[in-house]
N, C-alpha and C. Protein backbone atom coordinates (compact mmCIF):
# COMPACT_ATOMS: atom_id res chain seq x y z
N UNK A 1 10.96 142.81 96.02
CA UNK A 1 11.02 141.59 96.77
C UNK A 1 9.73 141.38 97.57
N UNK A 2 8.96 142.42 97.78
CA UNK A 2 7.72 142.28 98.54
C UNK A 2 6.76 141.30 97.89
N UNK A 3 6.69 141.28 96.55
CA UNK A 3 5.82 140.34 95.85
C UNK A 3 6.23 138.90 96.13
N UNK A 4 7.53 138.64 96.16
CA UNK A 4 8.01 137.29 96.41
C UNK A 4 7.64 136.84 97.83
N UNK A 5 7.78 137.74 98.79
CA UNK A 5 7.44 137.40 100.17
C UNK A 5 5.95 137.12 100.29
N UNK A 6 5.13 137.92 99.61
CA UNK A 6 3.69 137.69 99.63
C UNK A 6 3.35 136.32 99.05
N UNK A 7 4.03 135.96 97.95
CA UNK A 7 3.79 134.65 97.33
C UNK A 7 4.18 133.51 98.28
N UNK A 8 5.30 133.69 98.97
CA UNK A 8 5.74 132.66 99.91
C UNK A 8 4.72 132.52 101.04
N UNK A 9 4.25 133.65 101.56
CA UNK A 9 3.27 133.61 102.64
C UNK A 9 1.96 132.97 102.17
N UNK A 10 1.59 133.22 100.94
CA UNK A 10 0.38 132.60 100.38
C UNK A 10 0.56 131.09 100.28
N UNK A 11 1.77 130.65 99.89
CA UNK A 11 2.03 129.21 99.80
C UNK A 11 1.94 128.56 101.18
N UNK A 12 2.41 129.26 102.21
CA UNK A 12 2.30 128.72 103.58
C UNK A 12 0.83 128.66 103.97
N UNK A 13 0.11 129.73 103.68
CA UNK A 13 -1.31 129.79 104.03
C UNK A 13 -2.10 128.68 103.35
N UNK A 14 -1.75 128.37 102.09
CA UNK A 14 -2.44 127.33 101.33
C UNK A 14 -1.95 125.93 101.67
N UNK A 15 -0.91 125.83 102.48
CA UNK A 15 -0.38 124.52 102.85
C UNK A 15 0.54 123.92 101.81
N UNK A 16 0.93 124.70 100.81
CA UNK A 16 1.83 124.22 99.75
C UNK A 16 3.22 123.94 100.31
N UNK A 17 3.68 124.81 101.21
CA UNK A 17 4.98 124.63 101.86
C UNK A 17 4.79 124.83 103.36
N UNK A 18 5.75 124.33 104.15
CA UNK A 18 5.68 124.54 105.59
C UNK A 18 6.52 125.75 105.98
N UNK A 19 6.52 126.09 107.26
CA UNK A 19 7.22 127.29 107.71
C UNK A 19 8.73 127.19 107.53
N UNK A 20 9.30 126.00 107.69
CA UNK A 20 10.74 125.83 107.48
C UNK A 20 11.12 126.08 106.02
N UNK A 21 10.31 125.56 105.11
CA UNK A 21 10.56 125.78 103.69
C UNK A 21 10.40 127.26 103.35
N UNK A 22 9.40 127.91 103.95
CA UNK A 22 9.20 129.34 103.71
C UNK A 22 10.40 130.14 104.19
N UNK A 23 10.93 129.78 105.35
CA UNK A 23 12.11 130.48 105.87
C UNK A 23 13.29 130.31 104.93
N UNK A 24 13.47 129.09 104.42
CA UNK A 24 14.57 128.85 103.48
C UNK A 24 14.40 129.67 102.21
N UNK A 25 13.16 129.75 101.71
CA UNK A 25 12.91 130.56 100.52
C UNK A 25 13.21 132.03 100.78
N UNK A 26 12.78 132.52 101.94
CA UNK A 26 13.02 133.94 102.27
C UNK A 26 14.52 134.21 102.43
N UNK A 27 15.24 133.26 103.03
CA UNK A 27 16.69 133.42 103.13
C UNK A 27 17.33 133.48 101.76
N UNK A 28 16.87 132.62 100.84
CA UNK A 28 17.46 132.61 99.50
C UNK A 28 17.12 133.88 98.75
N UNK A 29 15.97 134.47 99.02
CA UNK A 29 15.63 135.75 98.38
C UNK A 29 16.64 136.81 98.77
N UNK A 30 17.00 136.84 100.03
CA UNK A 30 17.98 137.83 100.48
C UNK A 30 19.34 137.61 99.85
N UNK A 31 19.75 136.36 99.73
CA UNK A 31 21.08 136.08 99.17
C UNK A 31 21.10 136.26 97.65
N UNK A 32 19.99 135.95 96.96
CA UNK A 32 20.01 136.11 95.51
C UNK A 32 19.93 137.57 95.12
N UNK A 33 19.21 138.39 95.87
CA UNK A 33 19.15 139.80 95.51
C UNK A 33 20.46 140.49 95.82
N UNK A 34 21.18 140.01 96.85
CA UNK A 34 22.45 140.63 97.18
C UNK A 34 23.53 140.28 96.17
N UNK A 35 23.47 139.07 95.61
CA UNK A 35 24.52 138.62 94.70
C UNK A 35 24.11 138.65 93.25
N UNK A 36 22.84 138.90 92.97
CA UNK A 36 22.35 138.84 91.60
C UNK A 36 22.88 140.02 90.79
N UNK A 37 23.57 139.75 89.68
CA UNK A 37 24.05 140.85 88.86
C UNK A 37 22.89 141.54 88.16
N UNK A 38 23.04 142.83 87.96
CA UNK A 38 22.01 143.59 87.26
C UNK A 38 22.01 143.19 85.79
N UNK A 39 20.83 142.98 85.26
CA UNK A 39 20.75 142.62 83.85
C UNK A 39 21.19 143.78 82.99
N UNK A 40 22.18 143.52 82.16
CA UNK A 40 22.65 144.55 81.25
C UNK A 40 21.60 144.78 80.17
N UNK A 41 21.62 145.95 79.62
CA UNK A 41 20.67 146.25 78.54
C UNK A 41 21.28 145.78 77.22
N UNK A 42 20.85 144.66 76.76
CA UNK A 42 21.32 144.08 75.51
C UNK A 42 20.13 143.82 74.62
N UNK A 43 20.23 144.14 73.34
CA UNK A 43 19.11 143.84 72.44
C UNK A 43 18.77 142.35 72.44
N UNK A 44 19.75 141.51 72.73
CA UNK A 44 19.51 140.07 72.77
C UNK A 44 18.45 139.71 73.81
N UNK A 45 18.45 140.41 74.93
CA UNK A 45 17.50 140.11 75.99
C UNK A 45 16.06 140.38 75.58
N UNK A 46 15.87 141.08 74.47
CA UNK A 46 14.52 141.33 73.96
C UNK A 46 14.04 140.22 73.01
N UNK A 47 14.89 139.26 72.74
CA UNK A 47 14.51 138.13 71.89
C UNK A 47 13.61 137.16 72.64
N UNK A 48 13.07 136.17 71.91
CA UNK A 48 12.17 135.19 72.51
C UNK A 48 12.74 133.78 72.40
N UNK A 49 12.54 133.01 73.47
CA UNK A 49 12.78 131.57 73.43
C UNK A 49 11.46 130.96 73.00
N UNK A 50 11.49 130.23 71.90
CA UNK A 50 10.26 129.65 71.37
C UNK A 50 10.35 128.12 71.47
N UNK A 51 9.28 127.53 72.00
CA UNK A 51 9.19 126.08 72.12
C UNK A 51 7.97 125.65 71.32
N UNK A 52 8.17 124.74 70.38
CA UNK A 52 7.09 124.24 69.54
C UNK A 52 7.07 122.73 69.61
N UNK A 53 5.92 122.19 69.98
CA UNK A 53 5.72 120.75 69.96
C UNK A 53 4.56 120.48 69.02
N UNK A 54 4.85 119.74 67.97
CA UNK A 54 3.84 119.39 66.97
C UNK A 54 3.51 117.91 67.14
N UNK A 55 2.26 117.64 67.43
CA UNK A 55 1.84 116.29 67.74
C UNK A 55 0.99 115.73 66.60
N UNK A 56 1.16 114.46 66.34
CA UNK A 56 0.32 113.78 65.35
C UNK A 56 -1.14 113.76 65.77
N UNK A 57 -1.39 113.85 67.07
CA UNK A 57 -2.77 113.83 67.58
C UNK A 57 -3.29 115.24 67.85
N UNK A 58 -2.61 116.24 67.31
CA UNK A 58 -2.98 117.66 67.44
C UNK A 58 -2.94 118.18 68.87
N UNK A 59 -2.11 117.58 69.72
CA UNK A 59 -1.84 118.13 71.05
C UNK A 59 -0.62 119.04 70.93
N UNK A 60 -0.79 120.13 70.22
CA UNK A 60 0.32 121.02 69.91
C UNK A 60 0.56 122.03 71.02
N UNK A 61 1.84 122.43 71.17
CA UNK A 61 2.23 123.40 72.18
C UNK A 61 3.05 124.47 71.49
N UNK A 62 2.71 125.73 71.75
CA UNK A 62 3.47 126.87 71.26
C UNK A 62 3.70 127.81 72.44
N UNK A 63 4.96 127.93 72.87
CA UNK A 63 5.30 128.78 74.01
C UNK A 63 6.36 129.77 73.57
N UNK A 64 6.15 131.04 73.92
CA UNK A 64 7.12 132.10 73.65
C UNK A 64 7.46 132.76 74.98
N UNK A 65 8.74 132.75 75.34
CA UNK A 65 9.17 133.34 76.61
C UNK A 65 10.30 134.33 76.31
N UNK A 66 10.17 135.57 76.78
CA UNK A 66 11.26 136.53 76.58
C UNK A 66 12.56 136.04 77.23
N UNK A 67 13.67 136.19 76.53
CA UNK A 67 14.97 135.77 77.04
C UNK A 67 15.27 136.47 78.37
N UNK A 68 14.89 137.73 78.48
CA UNK A 68 15.10 138.47 79.73
C UNK A 68 14.45 137.73 80.90
N UNK A 69 13.23 137.24 80.71
CA UNK A 69 12.52 136.52 81.76
C UNK A 69 13.19 135.17 82.04
N UNK A 70 13.63 134.48 81.00
CA UNK A 70 14.32 133.19 81.19
C UNK A 70 15.55 133.39 82.06
N UNK A 71 16.32 134.43 81.77
CA UNK A 71 17.56 134.67 82.52
C UNK A 71 17.25 134.99 83.99
N UNK A 72 16.29 135.85 84.23
CA UNK A 72 15.93 136.21 85.61
C UNK A 72 15.43 134.98 86.36
N UNK A 73 14.58 134.18 85.72
CA UNK A 73 14.05 132.99 86.38
C UNK A 73 15.16 131.99 86.70
N UNK A 74 16.10 131.84 85.78
CA UNK A 74 17.21 130.92 86.04
C UNK A 74 18.06 131.41 87.20
N UNK A 75 18.38 132.70 87.20
CA UNK A 75 19.23 133.26 88.25
C UNK A 75 18.55 133.20 89.61
N UNK A 76 17.29 133.54 89.65
CA UNK A 76 16.56 133.55 90.91
C UNK A 76 16.15 132.14 91.33
N UNK A 77 15.67 131.38 90.37
CA UNK A 77 15.14 130.05 90.66
C UNK A 77 16.15 129.09 91.22
N UNK A 78 17.40 129.16 90.77
CA UNK A 78 18.40 128.22 91.26
C UNK A 78 18.66 128.44 92.74
N UNK A 79 18.65 129.69 93.18
CA UNK A 79 18.86 129.98 94.60
C UNK A 79 17.70 129.48 95.44
N UNK A 80 16.51 129.67 94.94
CA UNK A 80 15.31 129.23 95.67
C UNK A 80 15.24 127.71 95.67
N UNK A 81 15.44 127.10 94.50
CA UNK A 81 15.32 125.64 94.38
C UNK A 81 16.34 124.91 95.25
N UNK A 82 17.51 125.50 95.42
CA UNK A 82 18.54 124.84 96.23
C UNK A 82 18.16 124.77 97.70
N UNK A 83 17.19 125.60 98.12
CA UNK A 83 16.77 125.63 99.52
C UNK A 83 15.55 124.74 99.79
N UNK A 84 14.93 124.22 98.73
CA UNK A 84 13.73 123.40 98.88
C UNK A 84 14.10 121.94 98.60
N UNK A 85 14.06 121.08 99.60
CA UNK A 85 14.49 119.68 99.42
C UNK A 85 13.80 118.96 98.26
N UNK A 86 12.51 119.18 98.09
CA UNK A 86 11.77 118.49 97.03
C UNK A 86 12.24 118.91 95.63
N UNK A 87 12.75 120.12 95.51
CA UNK A 87 13.18 120.63 94.21
C UNK A 87 14.48 120.01 93.74
N UNK A 88 15.28 119.51 94.66
CA UNK A 88 16.58 118.94 94.29
C UNK A 88 16.42 117.79 93.31
N UNK A 89 15.37 117.00 93.44
CA UNK A 89 15.15 115.89 92.51
C UNK A 89 14.96 116.38 91.08
N UNK A 90 14.33 117.53 90.91
CA UNK A 90 14.07 118.06 89.59
C UNK A 90 15.27 118.82 89.03
N UNK A 91 16.11 119.34 89.90
CA UNK A 91 17.22 120.19 89.48
C UNK A 91 18.53 119.43 89.24
N UNK A 92 18.60 118.17 89.68
CA UNK A 92 19.89 117.49 89.65
C UNK A 92 20.45 117.29 88.25
N UNK A 93 19.61 117.20 87.23
CA UNK A 93 20.10 116.98 85.87
C UNK A 93 20.06 118.23 85.00
N UNK A 94 19.87 119.38 85.63
CA UNK A 94 19.81 120.64 84.88
C UNK A 94 21.04 121.47 85.21
N UNK A 95 21.81 121.81 84.19
CA UNK A 95 22.99 122.64 84.38
C UNK A 95 22.59 124.09 84.13
N UNK A 96 22.15 124.76 85.19
CA UNK A 96 21.65 126.13 85.08
C UNK A 96 22.76 127.07 84.64
N UNK A 97 23.97 126.85 85.14
CA UNK A 97 25.09 127.71 84.74
C UNK A 97 25.34 127.62 83.23
N UNK A 98 25.18 126.43 82.66
CA UNK A 98 25.35 126.27 81.22
C UNK A 98 24.26 127.04 80.47
N UNK A 99 23.04 126.98 80.97
CA UNK A 99 21.94 127.72 80.34
C UNK A 99 22.18 129.23 80.40
N UNK A 100 22.61 129.72 81.55
CA UNK A 100 22.90 131.15 81.68
C UNK A 100 24.07 131.53 80.78
N UNK A 101 25.06 130.66 80.70
CA UNK A 101 26.19 130.90 79.80
C UNK A 101 25.74 130.99 78.34
N UNK A 102 24.81 130.13 77.95
CA UNK A 102 24.28 130.17 76.58
C UNK A 102 23.57 131.50 76.32
N UNK A 103 22.83 131.99 77.31
CA UNK A 103 22.17 133.29 77.15
C UNK A 103 23.21 134.39 77.05
N UNK A 104 24.22 134.35 77.92
CA UNK A 104 25.28 135.36 77.89
C UNK A 104 26.05 135.33 76.57
N UNK A 105 26.11 134.15 75.93
CA UNK A 105 26.79 134.03 74.63
C UNK A 105 25.90 134.49 73.49
N UNK A 106 24.66 134.83 73.80
CA UNK A 106 23.69 135.35 72.84
C UNK A 106 23.46 134.40 71.66
N UNK A 107 23.23 133.14 72.00
CA UNK A 107 22.92 132.15 70.97
C UNK A 107 21.60 132.51 70.29
N UNK A 108 21.58 132.39 68.97
CA UNK A 108 20.38 132.67 68.19
C UNK A 108 20.17 131.50 67.24
N UNK A 109 18.92 131.17 67.00
CA UNK A 109 18.60 130.11 66.06
C UNK A 109 18.10 128.87 66.75
N UNK A 110 18.17 127.77 66.03
CA UNK A 110 17.63 126.51 66.51
C UNK A 110 18.54 125.91 67.59
N UNK A 111 17.93 125.53 68.72
CA UNK A 111 18.67 124.88 69.80
C UNK A 111 18.36 123.40 69.88
N UNK A 112 17.10 123.04 69.61
CA UNK A 112 16.67 121.64 69.65
C UNK A 112 15.74 121.40 68.47
N UNK A 113 15.95 120.27 67.78
CA UNK A 113 15.04 119.84 66.73
C UNK A 113 15.00 118.32 66.80
N UNK A 114 13.93 117.82 67.42
CA UNK A 114 13.83 116.37 67.64
C UNK A 114 12.58 115.83 66.96
N UNK A 115 12.75 114.74 66.24
CA UNK A 115 11.63 114.01 65.63
C UNK A 115 11.48 112.71 66.40
N UNK A 116 10.32 112.51 66.99
CA UNK A 116 10.08 111.31 67.78
C UNK A 116 9.53 110.19 66.92
N UNK A 117 9.65 108.97 67.39
CA UNK A 117 9.22 107.79 66.64
C UNK A 117 7.72 107.82 66.34
N UNK A 118 6.94 108.46 67.20
CA UNK A 118 5.49 108.50 66.99
C UNK A 118 5.06 109.60 66.02
N UNK A 119 6.03 110.31 65.44
CA UNK A 119 5.71 111.37 64.48
C UNK A 119 5.68 112.76 65.06
N UNK A 120 5.74 112.87 66.37
CA UNK A 120 5.76 114.19 67.02
C UNK A 120 7.12 114.85 66.80
N UNK A 121 7.14 116.16 66.87
CA UNK A 121 8.41 116.87 66.75
C UNK A 121 8.49 117.97 67.82
N UNK A 122 9.71 118.24 68.24
CA UNK A 122 9.97 119.27 69.25
C UNK A 122 11.02 120.21 68.68
N UNK A 123 10.71 121.50 68.73
CA UNK A 123 11.65 122.53 68.28
C UNK A 123 11.79 123.57 69.36
N UNK A 124 13.04 123.93 69.65
CA UNK A 124 13.31 125.01 70.59
C UNK A 124 14.32 125.91 69.91
N UNK A 125 14.00 127.19 69.86
CA UNK A 125 14.92 128.13 69.22
C UNK A 125 14.76 129.53 69.80
N UNK A 126 15.77 130.36 69.54
CA UNK A 126 15.77 131.75 69.96
C UNK A 126 15.71 132.60 68.70
N UNK A 127 14.78 133.57 68.72
CA UNK A 127 14.73 134.52 67.61
C UNK A 127 14.31 135.88 68.07
């Protein structure tokens, strides 16, 4: 948790957040570590969430994120985001519990496959 506190203090120092926001973040760190379940050792957690965006103009994106990291970020991030007023606007349409449930269900394969009118495509999958 020391790394998280250092990051919060750096954000205050840089003017990214104010002292009240920093206090809220530090409070949420204490509550999330106390209630956060230990990640079980599952081979599934070693898989990758892959995001591929193929653009007609060659603005392509390839992102690979370990499922273990996705789960930790979701579990920790929701507690932190709920304490930051500005984050509520971004979090209101995201069902984090559903995402964590999908990870716990060990979904594998294609999750999103979208073809846009401009010819771009978006693929999200776990492998």
